[in-house]
Each structure stands twice: as C-alpha cells, then as structure tokens.
Amino acid sequence: MDSDVLFSSANTKQAVDRLAAMNFNTLYPTVWQGGYTLYPSKVTEKTFGVKIDPNPGLQQRDMLKEIIKAGHAKGLKVIPWFEFGFMAPANSELARQHPDWLTKKSNGELVKMEGVEPRVWLNPLHPEVQKFIIDLVVEIVSNYDVDGIQFDDHFGLPTEYGYDDLTVKTYEKELKGLQPSDDYKETFWVRWRADKINQVMEKVFYAVKAVKPKCIISVSPNPLHFALPAYLQDWFTWERKGFIEELVLQVYRPDLDRFRWELQRAEVILAKNHIPVAIGILSGLKNQGVPINTIQKQVDIVRKEGFAGVGFFFYESLWHWSDDPPSKRRAGLRKLFPVSVSRP
C-alpha cells in the first residue's frame, strides 16, 4: 500500500483535521481493498474466515467508525469507497476458498496482472458473488452513519473475462444456437456482458435504498470510451436509469488539452445536466509526481466547465512525491480552496 493514513487512529484523526482545515468537504475512505475489509466485517468472516485486513494498524479498532466520527465532527461527508469491486488478489483467502466464484479468459487463465500484482476477478453473473458484494455494501449502510457509498473502475470486468462455464451456459441458454465470440471485443458479446453488470448495479441500488434511502450512490469510473470496451462498465446507462446519484469521473490526464477534451464529451455533459458530476484529478503516485501547478490548472478547467467539484487520488500524494516542496503544495491547495463550500 502506498499510504498508511488509515493504519493508526492518530494518523486517521490527523488526516481528517488536515483536510478539514484545507476546506475539503468529502472523504472517500477505502473499505474493500486487497481482498479484505478495512473495518470489522461479519460478512467476510462468514465468507472466508477473516473479519478484517490483517494489517497490525487495523486490529482492535474500527477505522471506519473513527473516520465517520472525526469527519462528521468537522462537517465533512464520509462516503466509503469499495476500491477493489469484483477484483481480488490471486493469493487471497477469498480466491482460495471460492475458486468457483472466479471468471476466466478464453484460454482458461484466471490471472490478470495489475502492475506487478497478480489479480483474479469475481464473476458478476454468479449469484453468490452478487450476494457477497451486496451483503458487504448493506453491512456498511446498515451499521454505519455513512453519507453514501462509492464504486470505481473495478466495479466491472476486464473484457478478456467471461469464458467461465456459468457465463457461457447463461449466454447459450438466453440466446439459443449462439455461443460467445472467441473475440472478447466483439460488439454484441461486450454488450451482453455489460448489460449483466448493469443488472448487478440495479440490484445494489435498490438494496441500499431499502436500508437507507438518503444514502448517495456514487461511482468513480474511467471515461466511457475506455470503461465500456475495456471493463464492460456502462456507467452512462447507470446514470441514465438513476442507479447512481453522483459521478466522479477519473480524468487522470497530464495533457491539459486532452483533459479538457474528456470533460466536453457528450455523455459527460449529459450526466452533468442530470446529477452532480465531479472530476477526479490525479494528484500523484509514488513513482509519478504531479506538480501543484498542473493540479491548479486542471481544477481551473473543471470550474470553468461548470462541474460540481473535484476529487483527488489520493491523500498521500497531495503532500508528497513531487519535486514541489511540501510548503508549496500546501500553499497551492489553500489557494484552490480558500473558503469552505458545501457539497452540491
């Protein structure tokens, strides 16, 4: 992990205080990451025998409860982020104990590398997978005073996948005489699988609303022209049908012309006219710093285009990992957010 901000009570409290002082108004703490929950979960304990991520800094505490208490005390909204979605580490307890939940590529392979990390993918069509994900979401919505929940680009499926027996048999049953294309990019095969994930999103929406009607359903996907063909994630349909109530579009583009172009696409403008749409800005990665002046220029573009706000990925890189001195980054952020503003 590239950040240890959640792995001690002191770090968590310090981070909330720091962001509040900088006039941020929303926190998206990760709660489903690396095959574990970062809060004590009866759902994961029942499913694969581990109730919380084994990181020592999470033991004997409830990080999510702490961040909600600290955030609300400072007037910040807290929207837990289901970071891994349908993805899991290849060596995780979840994958080991439930191999039948995994989907595969046409050549039978299960693993897809994410950088240097081997990942596997849960099958969104599998009823038990759907129940597991929905149970996780409902567990949080039921037991914590959250303001919403958020999914991201991992609440989909890499297009290479879907050649497991369950998915193939479902396709053949629904479409008599047809078989999934050997070409995983084939238009109808992409559309059929994306529609199945759309149905899961609909189930999640209604499951959440049944417990907490005012809980915001947020998603932070890639731009649609990548999300749909690469990850079967048709977030535009989710937005059109009302299954999401906030969009935080990941526009991690250093080139300012390309950044602006992504904001002006038709599906983004349509979404912006329907629900609050913020733009996700990359504030840096451990080996890829982003200068504060680039961040400032991107925020300025977002504001000129009339979006609801910005979100940053992620906390640690707001302050570190760039050639800028920390004092310059802090001053730049203060300049961006001189006063406190309520969420739309």
Protein backbone atom coordinates (compact mmCIF):
# COMPACT_ATOMS: atom_id res chain seq x y z
CA MET A 1 0.00 0.00 0.00
CA ASP A 2 1.20 3.49 -0.84
CA SER A 3 -0.42 5.17 2.17
CA ASP A 4 -0.58 4.33 5.86
CA VAL A 5 -3.01 7.10 6.74
CA LEU A 6 -5.73 4.66 7.82
CA PHE A 7 -3.49 2.33 9.81
CA SER A 8 -3.41 4.19 13.10
CA SER A 9 -6.02 6.18 14.97
CA ALA A 10 -3.64 9.11 15.28
CA ASN A 11 -2.89 9.19 11.53
CA THR A 12 -6.58 8.96 10.68
CA LYS A 13 -7.56 11.79 13.02
CA GLN A 14 -4.66 13.95 11.83
CA ALA A 15 -5.67 13.44 8.19
CA VAL A 16 -9.29 14.39 8.81
CA ASP A 17 -8.26 17.51 10.71
CA ARG A 18 -5.80 18.45 7.98
CA LEU A 19 -8.33 18.08 5.16
CA ALA A 20 -10.99 19.97 7.12
CA ALA A 21 -8.54 22.81 7.71
CA MET A 22 -7.90 22.89 3.94
CA ASN A 23 -11.67 23.24 3.33
CA PHE A 24 -12.22 19.82 1.79
CA ASN A 25 -15.80 18.65 2.27
CA THR A 26 -15.90 14.91 1.44
CA LEU A 27 -13.84 11.86 2.41
CA TYR A 28 -13.81 8.63 0.40
CA PRO A 29 -12.01 6.13 2.66
CA THR A 30 -11.28 2.76 1.13
CA VAL A 31 -13.08 -0.09 2.91
CA TRP A 32 -12.72 -3.04 0.48
CA GLN A 33 -9.11 -3.40 -0.58
CA GLY A 34 -6.69 -6.22 -1.26
CA GLY A 35 -9.24 -8.96 -0.65
CA TYR A 36 -10.13 -7.72 2.84
CA THR A 37 -12.34 -5.18 4.51
CA LEU A 38 -10.62 -2.40 6.43
CA TYR A 39 -13.39 -2.49 9.04
CA PRO A 40 -14.56 -5.50 11.11
CA SER A 41 -16.93 -7.43 8.84
CA LYS A 42 -19.21 -10.30 9.76
CA VAL A 43 -19.79 -10.85 6.03
CA THR A 44 -16.14 -11.59 5.23
CA GLU A 45 -15.74 -13.58 8.46
CA LYS A 46 -18.60 -15.82 7.37
CA THR A 47 -17.45 -15.97 3.74
CA PHE A 48 -13.76 -16.77 4.13
CA GLY A 49 -12.97 -16.67 7.84
CA VAL A 50 -11.25 -13.26 8.13
CA LYS A 51 -13.13 -10.30 9.54
CA ILE A 52 -10.60 -7.53 8.87
CA ASP A 53 -7.42 -6.81 6.92
CA PRO A 54 -4.53 -8.36 8.91
CA ASN A 55 -2.50 -5.13 8.91
CA PRO A 56 -1.47 -4.61 12.56
CA GLY A 57 -2.62 -0.99 12.44
CA LEU A 58 -6.24 -2.05 11.94
CA GLN A 59 -6.50 -4.53 14.78
CA GLN A 60 -8.55 -3.79 17.89
CA ARG A 61 -10.15 -0.74 16.27
CA ASP A 62 -12.82 0.24 13.78
CA MET A 63 -11.19 2.62 11.33
CA LEU A 64 -14.45 3.40 9.55
CA LYS A 65 -16.26 4.33 12.77
CA GLU A 66 -13.32 6.59 13.70
CA ILE A 67 -13.23 8.40 10.38
CA ILE A 68 -17.00 8.92 10.36
CA LYS A 69 -16.92 10.37 13.88
CA ALA A 70 -13.96 12.63 13.13
CA GLY A 71 -15.24 13.65 9.72
CA HIS A 72 -18.76 14.49 10.83
CA ALA A 73 -17.41 16.46 13.77
CA LYS A 74 -15.59 18.65 11.25
CA GLY A 75 -18.55 18.90 8.88
CA LEU A 76 -17.19 16.51 6.25
CA LYS A 77 -19.30 13.91 4.49
CA VAL A 78 -17.97 10.33 4.55
CA ILE A 79 -18.58 8.04 1.57
CA PRO A 80 -16.81 4.66 1.90
CA TRP A 81 -15.08 3.51 -1.27
CA PHE A 82 -15.31 -0.12 -2.40
CA GLU A 83 -11.96 0.10 -4.11
CA PHE A 84 -11.47 -3.46 -5.34
CA GLY A 85 -15.01 -4.07 -6.60
CA PHE A 86 -15.02 -7.50 -8.26
CA MET A 87 -11.21 -7.75 -8.22
CA ALA A 88 -9.18 -9.77 -5.70
CA PRO A 89 -5.52 -10.70 -5.22
CA ALA A 90 -4.78 -14.07 -6.79
CA ASN A 91 -3.49 -15.45 -3.47
CA SER A 92 -6.28 -14.05 -1.31
CA GLU A 93 -8.33 -16.19 1.05
CA LEU A 94 -11.41 -15.19 -0.90
CA ALA A 95 -9.98 -16.56 -4.15
CA ARG A 96 -8.56 -19.69 -2.50
CA GLN A 97 -11.75 -20.63 -0.69
CA HIS A 98 -14.14 -19.78 -3.51
CA PRO A 99 -12.45 -20.77 -6.78
CA ASP A 100 -15.88 -21.38 -8.32
CA TRP A 101 -16.60 -17.65 -7.93
CA LEU A 102 -13.84 -16.71 -10.36
CA THR A 103 -14.27 -16.00 -14.03
CA LYS A 104 -11.63 -16.71 -16.66
CA LYS A 105 -10.26 -15.79 -20.06
CA SER A 106 -10.89 -17.77 -23.25
CA ASN A 107 -7.59 -19.64 -22.79
CA GLY A 108 -8.60 -20.68 -19.26
CA GLU A 109 -6.30 -18.24 -17.49
CA LEU A 110 -7.55 -16.71 -14.26
CA VAL A 111 -4.87 -14.11 -13.55
CA LYS A 112 -4.52 -10.61 -14.94
CA MET A 113 -1.54 -8.54 -13.83
CA GLU A 114 -2.17 -5.12 -12.34
CA GLY A 115 1.32 -3.67 -12.48
CA VAL A 116 3.36 -6.32 -10.64
CA GLU A 117 0.35 -7.68 -8.72
CA PRO A 118 -1.45 -10.84 -9.91
CA ARG A 119 -5.21 -10.32 -9.74
CA VAL A 120 -8.24 -12.51 -10.28
CA TRP A 121 -11.81 -11.41 -10.93
CA LEU A 122 -15.04 -12.49 -9.31
CA ASN A 123 -17.79 -13.43 -11.74
CA PRO A 124 -20.51 -10.74 -11.63
CA LEU A 125 -23.04 -13.26 -13.01
CA HIS A 126 -22.53 -15.69 -10.14
CA PRO A 127 -25.46 -15.41 -7.68
CA GLU A 128 -23.19 -15.99 -4.68
CA VAL A 129 -20.78 -13.29 -5.84
CA GLN A 130 -23.65 -10.86 -6.21
CA LYS A 131 -24.91 -11.73 -2.75
CA PHE A 132 -21.43 -11.30 -1.25
CA ILE A 133 -20.92 -7.84 -2.75
CA ILE A 134 -24.43 -6.67 -1.90
CA ASP A 135 -24.10 -8.04 1.64
CA LEU A 136 -20.86 -6.08 2.10
CA VAL A 137 -22.49 -2.86 0.93
CA VAL A 138 -25.62 -3.37 3.01
CA GLU A 139 -23.49 -4.23 6.06
CA ILE A 140 -21.87 -0.80 5.92
CA VAL A 141 -25.03 1.10 5.09
CA SER A 142 -26.88 -0.65 7.94
CA ASN A 143 -24.22 -0.38 10.63
CA TYR A 144 -22.51 2.95 9.98
CA ASP A 145 -23.67 6.55 9.71
CA VAL A 146 -22.33 6.93 6.17
CA ASP A 147 -23.42 9.60 3.71
CA GLY A 148 -23.05 7.33 0.69
CA ILE A 149 -21.07 4.52 -0.88
CA GLN A 150 -18.74 4.66 -3.86
CA PHE A 151 -17.62 2.19 -6.50
CA ASP A 152 -14.93 2.80 -9.10
CA ASP A 153 -13.49 1.28 -12.28
CA HIS A 154 -13.14 -2.13 -10.60
CA PHE A 155 -16.92 -2.49 -10.38
CA GLY A 156 -16.82 -4.04 -13.81
CA LEU A 157 -14.86 -6.79 -15.51
CA PRO A 158 -11.87 -6.73 -17.83
CA THR A 159 -13.22 -7.54 -21.29
CA GLU A 160 -10.97 -10.60 -21.64
CA TYR A 161 -13.05 -12.37 -18.99
CA GLY A 162 -16.40 -14.11 -19.14
CA TYR A 163 -15.42 -17.51 -20.52
CA ASP A 164 -16.21 -19.45 -17.34
CA ASP A 165 -18.80 -22.21 -17.57
CA LEU A 166 -21.57 -20.30 -15.79
CA THR A 167 -21.34 -17.26 -18.04
CA VAL A 168 -21.05 -19.29 -21.24
CA LYS A 169 -24.01 -21.51 -20.33
CA THR A 170 -26.11 -18.47 -19.39
CA TYR A 171 -25.33 -16.90 -22.77
CA GLU A 172 -26.19 -20.08 -24.65
CA LYS A 173 -29.42 -20.53 -22.69
CA GLU A 174 -30.60 -16.99 -23.33
CA LEU A 175 -29.53 -16.93 -26.98
CA LYS A 176 -30.48 -20.31 -28.46
CA GLY A 177 -27.98 -21.53 -31.02
CA LEU A 178 -25.38 -18.87 -30.25
CA GLN A 179 -22.06 -19.09 -28.43
CA PRO A 180 -19.88 -16.30 -27.03
CA SER A 181 -17.49 -14.93 -29.61
CA ASP A 182 -13.86 -16.02 -29.44
CA ASP A 183 -13.11 -12.34 -29.93
CA TYR A 184 -13.68 -10.84 -26.50
CA LYS A 185 -14.02 -7.37 -28.10
CA GLU A 186 -16.88 -8.43 -30.37
CA THR A 187 -19.62 -5.82 -30.04
CA PHE A 188 -22.60 -7.97 -29.07
CA TRP A 189 -20.56 -10.10 -26.63
CA VAL A 190 -19.34 -6.90 -24.97
CA ARG A 191 -22.88 -5.51 -24.85
CA TRP A 192 -24.39 -8.68 -23.37
CA ARG A 193 -21.85 -8.88 -20.55
CA ALA A 194 -22.09 -5.15 -19.83
CA ASP A 195 -25.86 -5.50 -19.53
CA LYS A 196 -25.39 -8.25 -16.94
CA ILE A 197 -23.23 -5.90 -14.87
CA ASN A 198 -25.87 -3.19 -15.32
CA GLN A 199 -28.33 -5.57 -13.69
CA VAL A 200 -26.00 -6.04 -10.71
CA MET A 201 -25.73 -2.28 -10.31
CA GLU A 202 -29.52 -2.06 -10.27
CA LYS A 203 -29.68 -4.68 -7.51
CA VAL A 204 -27.09 -2.80 -5.46
CA PHE A 205 -29.01 0.46 -5.84
CA TYR A 206 -32.28 -0.98 -4.59
CA ALA A 207 -30.60 -2.94 -1.79
CA VAL A 208 -29.02 0.25 -0.46
CA LYS A 209 -32.16 2.34 -0.82
CA ALA A 210 -34.20 -0.27 1.04
CA VAL A 211 -31.98 0.29 4.08
CA LYS A 212 -31.07 3.97 3.82
CA PRO A 213 -32.98 5.95 1.16
CA LYS A 214 -30.84 9.06 1.51
CA CYS A 215 -27.54 7.18 1.07
CA ILE A 216 -25.79 8.55 -2.04
CA ILE A 217 -24.74 6.02 -4.68
CA SER A 218 -21.50 7.32 -6.18
CA VAL A 219 -19.25 5.90 -8.87
CA SER A 220 -15.76 6.97 -9.95
CA PRO A 221 -15.15 5.32 -13.33
CA ASN A 222 -12.84 5.85 -16.25
CA PRO A 223 -14.16 7.82 -19.24
CA LEU A 224 -16.87 5.81 -21.01
CA HIS A 225 -14.94 5.30 -24.26
CA PHE A 226 -12.43 3.29 -22.21
CA ALA A 227 -14.63 1.95 -19.39
CA LEU A 228 -17.12 0.11 -21.62
CA PRO A 229 -14.81 -1.63 -24.14
CA ALA A 230 -12.04 -2.34 -21.61
CA TYR A 231 -14.01 -3.10 -18.41
CA LEU A 232 -17.61 -3.76 -19.54
CA GLN A 233 -18.59 -0.83 -17.33
CA ASP A 234 -21.50 1.06 -18.85
CA TRP A 235 -21.77 3.81 -16.26
CA PHE A 236 -23.70 6.01 -18.68
CA THR A 237 -26.62 3.58 -18.53
CA TRP A 238 -26.37 3.60 -14.71
CA GLU A 239 -26.60 7.38 -14.78
CA ARG A 240 -29.46 7.48 -17.30
CA LYS A 241 -31.51 4.95 -15.32
CA GLY A 242 -30.91 6.67 -11.99
CA PHE A 243 -28.81 3.93 -10.40
CA ILE A 244 -26.09 6.43 -9.48
CA GLU A 245 -26.55 9.84 -7.91
CA GLU A 246 -23.01 11.18 -8.10
CA LEU A 247 -20.30 10.74 -10.72
CA VAL A 248 -16.63 11.41 -10.00
CA LEU A 249 -15.05 10.85 -13.40
CA GLN A 250 -11.40 9.75 -13.36
CA VAL A 251 -9.66 12.07 -15.80
CA TYR A 252 -6.06 11.24 -14.99
CA ARG A 253 -4.57 13.03 -17.99
CA PRO A 254 -1.47 15.24 -17.65
CA ASP A 255 -2.04 16.84 -21.07
CA LEU A 256 -4.36 19.80 -20.49
CA ASP A 257 -5.92 19.72 -23.97
CA ARG A 258 -6.76 16.03 -23.57
CA PHE A 259 -8.02 16.72 -20.07
CA ARG A 260 -10.38 19.42 -21.38
CA TRP A 261 -11.50 17.20 -24.28
CA GLU A 262 -12.58 14.45 -21.86
CA LEU A 263 -14.73 16.95 -19.96
CA GLN A 264 -16.52 18.04 -23.13
CA ARG A 265 -17.68 14.63 -24.34
CA ALA A 266 -21.43 14.28 -24.86
CA GLU A 267 -22.04 11.60 -22.23
CA VAL A 268 -20.22 13.71 -19.62
CA ILE A 269 -22.24 16.82 -20.44
CA LEU A 270 -25.49 14.84 -20.33
CA ALA A 271 -24.56 13.40 -16.94
CA LYS A 272 -23.57 16.84 -15.64
CA ASN A 273 -27.03 18.14 -16.52
CA HIS A 274 -28.68 15.28 -14.61
CA ILE A 275 -26.66 14.58 -11.44
CA PRO A 276 -23.71 16.17 -9.60
CA VAL A 277 -20.57 15.38 -11.61
CA ALA A 278 -17.12 15.99 -10.19
CA ILE A 279 -13.81 15.35 -11.91
CA GLY A 280 -11.24 13.04 -10.39
CA ILE A 281 -7.76 14.53 -10.65
CA LEU A 282 -4.56 12.54 -10.19
CA SER A 283 -2.54 14.31 -7.51
CA GLY A 284 0.29 11.84 -7.95
CA LEU A 285 1.55 8.30 -7.50
CA LYS A 286 4.56 7.07 -5.58
CA ASN A 287 6.74 7.00 -8.69
CA GLN A 288 4.84 9.63 -10.64
CA GLY A 289 4.64 13.03 -9.04
CA VAL A 290 2.25 15.68 -10.35
CA PRO A 291 3.31 19.32 -9.94
CA ILE A 292 0.95 21.51 -7.95
CA ASN A 293 0.70 23.97 -10.85
CA THR A 294 -0.67 21.18 -13.07
CA ILE A 295 -3.25 20.35 -10.41
CA GLN A 296 -4.20 24.03 -10.17
CA LYS A 297 -4.63 24.33 -13.94
CA GLN A 298 -6.84 21.24 -14.04
CA VAL A 299 -9.02 22.49 -11.19
CA ASP A 300 -9.38 25.79 -13.03
CA ILE A 301 -10.54 23.97 -16.18
CA VAL A 302 -13.07 21.95 -14.18
CA ARG A 303 -14.51 25.12 -12.66
CA LYS A 304 -14.70 26.94 -15.98
CA GLU A 305 -16.57 23.97 -17.48
CA GLY A 306 -19.15 24.20 -14.70
CA PHE A 307 -18.70 20.89 -12.88
CA ALA A 308 -19.84 20.22 -9.33
CA GLY A 309 -16.34 19.85 -7.91
CA VAL A 310 -13.12 17.88 -7.94
CA GLY A 311 -11.79 14.83 -6.13
CA PHE A 312 -8.16 13.86 -5.73
CA PHE A 313 -6.49 10.48 -5.97
CA PHE A 314 -5.10 10.22 -3.45
CA TYR A 315 -4.42 11.61 0.05
CA GLU A 316 -0.70 10.87 0.38
CA SER A 317 0.23 12.40 -2.96
CA LEU A 318 -1.44 15.69 -2.11
CA TRP A 319 1.50 16.44 0.15
CA HIS A 320 4.39 14.26 -1.08
CA TRP A 321 6.12 12.53 -4.03
CA SER A 322 6.64 15.55 -6.23
CA ASP A 323 9.52 17.91 -6.93
CA ASP A 324 7.50 20.66 -5.26
CA PRO A 325 8.49 21.38 -1.67
CA PRO A 326 5.68 20.42 0.73
CA SER A 327 5.18 24.06 1.69
CA LYS A 328 4.48 24.97 -1.95
CA ARG A 329 1.92 22.16 -2.28
CA ARG A 330 0.15 23.20 0.92
CA ALA A 331 0.04 26.82 -0.19
CA GLY A 332 -1.27 25.78 -3.61
CA LEU A 333 -4.09 23.76 -2.08
CA ARG A 334 -5.04 26.61 0.26
CA LYS A 335 -5.25 28.89 -2.76
CA LEU A 336 -7.56 26.43 -4.53
CA PHE A 337 -9.93 26.17 -1.56
CA PRO A 338 -9.82 29.48 0.30
CA VAL A 339 -13.26 29.02 1.84
CA SER A 340 -15.45 26.10 2.90
CA VAL A 341 -18.12 25.10 0.35
CA SER A 342 -20.97 22.63 0.90
CA ARG A 343 -21.38 19.61 -1.32
CA PRO A 344 -23.93 20.00 -4.17
